[in-house]
Amino acid sequence: MKAIKTITIAALCILALSACARYTSSEKRPAGVTAKDVNEASYMIGYNFGQFISGNKMGALNLAMIDKGIKDACKGVKIDDEEFMNVMDGYMDKIRTALKETNAAEAETFFAKNRDAEGVFTTESGLQYKIVREGSGAYPAADDKVEVNYEGSLLDGTIFESSFESGQPVQFGLNQVIKGWGEGLQYINEGGEIILWIPAELAYGEYGAGAAIGPNQALKFRVELLSIIKDEEPAAGENN
């Protein structure tokens, strides 16, 4: 539903902006469209655009220049595609470089301090974990498939995904996920719960993942191992 809503808003934004050059004053509003309608829709478009740029970690932006760019586009001012890409690629490269350095430094400081926290273990790979609750079942192997509930967050506590919240456990093979998960889940048995602090090199590395996880971003996961999923044995006489 959220994805559908986002697509719908994006479509409305495109429609509204494509018409901005034609309907720029109250005299030119289509029949039935009031000033209140225009003001409310304009605010929502601006709000949605603000969410987009803030959610994509585009760094400090000049709101006055954003406003100028919108006005120029509505006036029909043209910008060469090559110029557009050169400016944006250069800017985003600098943002990514800054984030790589900042995130790496923050992770290094965090792991050095967390190493000495009560109940925390640090493995040779750099993974850190803490057993929240011991289970009573078997421990998974590196090539096992498991069913879990989990919550993923950044080191500052920002939650980016949670099956606890959605109420829908997930299944995956330990050899099909990030290295930190593949290693970390082998330290807990069925019915148990574990916290994993995963360095970037065992997660999504210097590229990150989407808007939520930046470059060189270390992650924290709270994971409840519900079960190890075994393939059913074929019945006697059944072909493999």
Protein backbone atom coordinates (compact mmCIF):
# COMPACT_ATOMS: atom_id res chain seq x y z
CA MET A 1 0.00 0.00 0.00
CA LYS A 2 2.83 2.41 0.86
CA ALA A 3 4.51 1.74 -2.50
CA ILE A 4 1.24 2.38 -4.34
CA LYS A 5 0.75 5.61 -2.41
CA THR A 6 4.27 6.78 -3.27
CA ILE A 7 3.79 6.01 -6.96
CA THR A 8 0.45 7.83 -6.93
CA ILE A 9 1.95 10.92 -5.31
CA ALA A 10 4.87 10.85 -7.75
CA ALA A 11 2.43 10.66 -10.67
CA LEU A 12 0.43 13.59 -9.30
CA CYS A 13 3.62 15.60 -8.87
CA ILE A 14 4.62 14.98 -12.47
CA LEU A 15 1.14 15.91 -13.66
CA ALA A 16 1.05 19.07 -11.59
CA LEU A 17 4.55 20.20 -12.55
CA SER A 18 3.91 19.53 -16.22
CA ALA A 19 0.99 21.94 -16.00
CA CYS A 20 2.76 24.62 -13.97
CA ALA A 21 3.71 26.67 -17.02
CA ARG A 22 0.06 26.81 -18.11
CA TYR A 23 -1.63 27.46 -14.77
CA THR A 24 0.44 30.02 -12.91
CA SER A 25 -2.28 32.42 -11.77
CA SER A 26 -5.82 32.30 -10.41
CA GLU A 27 -7.16 33.55 -13.75
CA LYS A 28 -5.80 30.49 -15.51
CA ARG A 29 -6.99 27.84 -13.06
CA PRO A 30 -9.15 25.11 -14.63
CA ALA A 31 -12.87 25.35 -13.92
CA GLY A 32 -13.75 23.94 -10.52
CA VAL A 33 -10.23 24.31 -9.08
CA THR A 34 -10.16 26.81 -6.21
CA ALA A 35 -7.25 28.75 -4.76
CA LYS A 36 -7.52 26.52 -1.67
CA ASP A 37 -7.17 23.42 -3.88
CA VAL A 38 -4.06 24.87 -5.51
CA ASN A 39 -2.49 25.87 -2.18
CA GLU A 40 -3.10 22.49 -0.54
CA ALA A 41 -1.85 20.50 -3.54
CA SER A 42 1.18 22.79 -3.91
CA TYR A 43 2.11 22.26 -0.27
CA MET A 44 1.77 18.47 -0.54
CA ILE A 45 3.95 18.40 -3.67
CA GLY A 46 6.58 20.48 -1.90
CA TYR A 47 6.37 18.32 1.21
CA ASN A 48 6.72 15.10 -0.81
CA PHE A 49 9.73 16.52 -2.66
CA GLY A 50 11.29 17.55 0.66
CA GLN A 51 10.86 14.02 1.99
CA PHE A 52 12.52 12.67 -1.13
CA ILE A 53 15.64 14.82 -0.93
CA SER A 54 16.03 14.42 2.84
CA GLY A 55 15.47 10.65 2.68
CA ASN A 56 18.11 10.21 -0.01
CA LYS A 57 20.90 11.79 2.06
CA MET A 58 21.67 14.49 -0.47
CA GLY A 59 23.41 16.64 2.11
CA ALA A 60 22.93 20.34 2.81
CA LEU A 61 20.89 21.94 0.04
CA ASN A 62 20.01 25.59 -0.58
CA LEU A 63 16.22 25.82 -0.38
CA ALA A 64 16.22 29.21 -2.09
CA MET A 65 18.03 27.72 -5.09
CA ILE A 66 15.62 24.77 -5.15
CA ASP A 67 12.79 27.28 -5.31
CA LYS A 68 14.58 29.14 -8.11
CA GLY A 69 15.08 25.89 -10.04
CA ILE A 70 11.38 25.03 -9.78
CA LYS A 71 10.37 28.50 -10.96
CA ASP A 72 12.83 28.39 -13.87
CA ALA A 73 11.54 24.97 -14.93
CA CYS A 74 7.97 26.27 -14.85
CA LYS A 75 9.06 29.26 -16.98
CA GLY A 76 10.49 26.89 -19.57
CA VAL A 77 14.18 27.56 -18.92
CA LYS A 78 16.22 24.75 -20.52
CA ILE A 79 19.28 23.05 -19.03
CA ASP A 80 21.45 20.77 -21.12
CA ASP A 81 21.27 17.11 -20.04
CA GLU A 82 25.05 16.79 -19.95
CA GLU A 83 25.38 19.84 -17.73
CA PHE A 84 22.69 18.46 -15.41
CA MET A 85 24.42 15.08 -15.08
CA ASN A 86 27.88 16.61 -14.60
CA VAL A 87 26.68 18.81 -11.75
CA MET A 88 24.66 16.09 -10.01
CA ASP A 89 27.26 13.33 -10.45
CA GLY A 90 29.98 15.58 -9.09
CA TYR A 91 27.88 16.61 -6.12
CA MET A 92 26.77 13.07 -5.22
CA ASP A 93 30.35 11.76 -5.54
CA LYS A 94 31.44 14.31 -2.94
CA ILE A 95 28.51 13.42 -0.68
CA ARG A 96 29.33 9.70 -0.92
CA THR A 97 33.00 10.33 -0.15
CA ALA A 98 32.11 12.39 2.91
CA LEU A 99 29.63 9.75 4.12
CA LYS A 100 32.17 6.95 3.64
CA GLU A 101 34.67 8.75 5.85
CA THR A 102 32.13 9.82 8.47
CA ASN A 103 30.41 6.43 8.73
CA ALA A 104 33.72 4.54 8.88
CA ALA A 105 35.00 6.77 11.69
CA GLU A 106 31.76 6.47 13.67
CA ALA A 107 31.77 2.68 13.30
CA GLU A 108 35.39 2.41 14.42
CA THR A 109 34.65 4.44 17.55
CA PHE A 110 31.50 2.44 18.30
CA PHE A 111 33.07 -1.02 17.93
CA ALA A 112 36.08 -0.05 20.04
CA LYS A 113 33.76 1.02 22.88
CA ASN A 114 31.19 -1.75 22.45
CA ARG A 115 33.92 -4.40 22.63
CA ASP A 116 34.14 -3.86 26.39
CA ALA A 117 30.38 -3.84 27.04
CA GLU A 118 29.01 -6.57 29.31
CA GLY A 119 28.07 -9.76 27.48
CA VAL A 120 29.46 -8.64 24.10
CA PHE A 121 31.70 -11.01 22.12
CA THR A 122 33.92 -9.96 19.21
CA THR A 123 34.82 -12.53 16.55
CA GLU A 124 37.90 -12.68 14.32
CA SER A 125 35.89 -11.16 11.45
CA GLY A 126 35.06 -8.08 13.53
CA LEU A 127 31.43 -9.08 14.12
CA GLN A 128 30.15 -8.32 17.61
CA TYR A 129 27.24 -10.13 19.23
CA LYS A 130 25.37 -10.55 22.48
CA ILE A 131 23.08 -13.41 23.45
CA VAL A 132 19.82 -11.91 24.71
CA ARG A 133 18.13 -15.26 25.34
CA GLU A 134 19.44 -18.79 24.94
CA GLY A 135 17.22 -21.15 22.97
CA SER A 136 16.58 -24.82 23.57
CA GLY A 137 16.94 -26.22 20.04
CA ALA A 138 19.71 -26.89 17.54
CA TYR A 139 22.28 -24.46 16.18
CA PRO A 140 22.11 -23.73 12.43
CA ALA A 141 24.96 -24.58 10.08
CA ALA A 142 26.35 -22.20 7.46
CA ASP A 143 24.24 -23.71 4.69
CA ASP A 144 20.98 -24.09 6.65
CA LYS A 145 17.75 -22.29 5.95
CA VAL A 146 16.14 -20.51 8.91
CA GLU A 147 13.00 -18.67 9.92
CA VAL A 148 13.48 -15.54 12.01
CA ASN A 149 11.99 -12.37 13.36
CA TYR A 150 14.35 -9.43 13.22
CA GLU A 151 14.79 -5.70 13.59
CA GLY A 152 17.46 -3.83 11.65
CA SER A 153 18.77 -0.43 12.69
CA LEU A 154 21.67 1.96 12.26
CA LEU A 155 24.09 2.51 15.14
CA ASP A 156 22.19 5.68 16.08
CA GLY A 157 19.05 3.61 16.68
CA THR A 158 17.22 4.47 13.43
CA ILE A 159 15.14 1.40 12.54
CA PHE A 160 14.99 0.68 8.81
CA GLU A 161 13.19 -2.67 8.84
CA SER A 162 11.35 -4.87 11.33
CA SER A 163 9.48 -8.14 10.96
CA PHE A 164 8.49 -7.80 14.62
CA GLU A 165 6.49 -4.75 13.61
CA SER A 166 5.04 -6.29 10.46
CA GLY A 167 4.19 -9.54 12.22
CA GLN A 168 5.63 -11.55 9.33
CA PRO A 169 8.67 -13.76 10.06
CA VAL A 170 11.08 -14.26 7.16
CA GLN A 171 12.92 -17.28 5.80
CA PHE A 172 16.32 -17.37 4.11
CA GLY A 173 19.46 -19.45 3.68
CA LEU A 174 22.44 -18.37 5.76
CA ASN A 175 24.56 -18.56 2.62
CA GLN A 176 22.22 -16.16 0.81
CA VAL A 177 22.46 -13.12 3.09
CA ILE A 178 25.12 -10.64 4.17
CA LYS A 179 28.19 -12.20 5.77
CA GLY A 180 27.41 -10.81 9.21
CA TRP A 181 24.07 -12.64 9.26
CA GLY A 182 25.55 -15.85 7.90
CA GLU A 183 28.13 -15.90 10.67
CA GLY A 184 26.10 -14.39 13.49
CA LEU A 185 23.08 -16.71 13.34
CA GLN A 186 25.36 -19.69 13.98
CA TYR A 187 25.96 -18.41 17.53
CA ILE A 188 22.32 -18.82 18.61
CA ASN A 189 20.09 -21.88 18.78
CA GLU A 190 16.41 -22.32 17.97
CA GLY A 191 14.18 -20.30 20.27
CA GLY A 192 16.98 -17.94 21.18
CA GLU A 193 17.52 -14.24 20.56
CA ILE A 194 20.73 -12.44 19.64
CA ILE A 195 21.95 -8.92 18.93
CA LEU A 196 24.42 -8.53 16.06
CA TRP A 197 26.60 -5.48 15.44
CA ILE A 198 27.86 -5.87 11.90
CA PRO A 199 30.77 -3.88 10.39
CA ALA A 200 30.20 -2.51 6.90
CA GLU A 201 32.60 -5.02 5.34
CA LEU A 202 30.31 -7.81 6.58
CA ALA A 203 27.17 -5.93 5.52
CA TYR A 204 26.77 -3.68 2.45
CA GLY A 205 30.29 -2.27 2.24
CA GLU A 206 31.28 1.06 0.74
CA TYR A 207 28.20 1.27 -1.49
CA GLY A 208 25.47 0.85 1.13
CA ALA A 209 21.96 -0.26 0.22
CA GLY A 210 19.29 2.13 -1.02
CA ALA A 211 18.40 5.30 0.82
CA ALA A 212 18.35 3.74 4.30
CA ILE A 213 21.87 2.31 4.52
CA GLY A 214 24.74 4.58 3.58
CA PRO A 215 28.30 3.77 2.44
CA ASN A 216 30.50 2.13 5.08
CA GLN A 217 27.46 1.97 7.39
CA ALA A 218 27.70 -0.46 10.29
CA LEU A 219 24.42 -2.09 11.30
CA LYS A 220 22.69 -3.53 14.33
CA PHE A 221 20.22 -6.40 14.18
CA ARG A 222 18.07 -7.95 16.89
CA VAL A 223 17.22 -11.46 15.72
CA GLU A 224 14.98 -14.17 17.14
CA LEU A 225 15.73 -17.59 15.64
CA LEU A 226 12.34 -19.29 15.36
CA SER A 227 13.39 -22.48 13.61
CA ILE A 228 15.82 -24.25 11.32
CA ILE A 229 13.99 -25.36 8.19
CA LYS A 230 14.90 -28.83 7.00
CA ASP A 231 14.00 -30.23 3.59
CA GLU A 232 11.38 -32.93 3.87
CA GLU A 233 12.70 -36.43 3.40
CA PRO A 234 11.17 -38.17 0.36
CA ALA A 235 8.68 -40.92 1.20
CA ALA A 236 9.78 -44.56 0.80
CA GLY A 237 9.74 -45.52 -2.88
CA GLU A 238 9.41 -41.90 -4.01
CA ASN A 239 11.75 -40.76 -6.77
CA ASN A 240 14.33 -38.14 -5.87
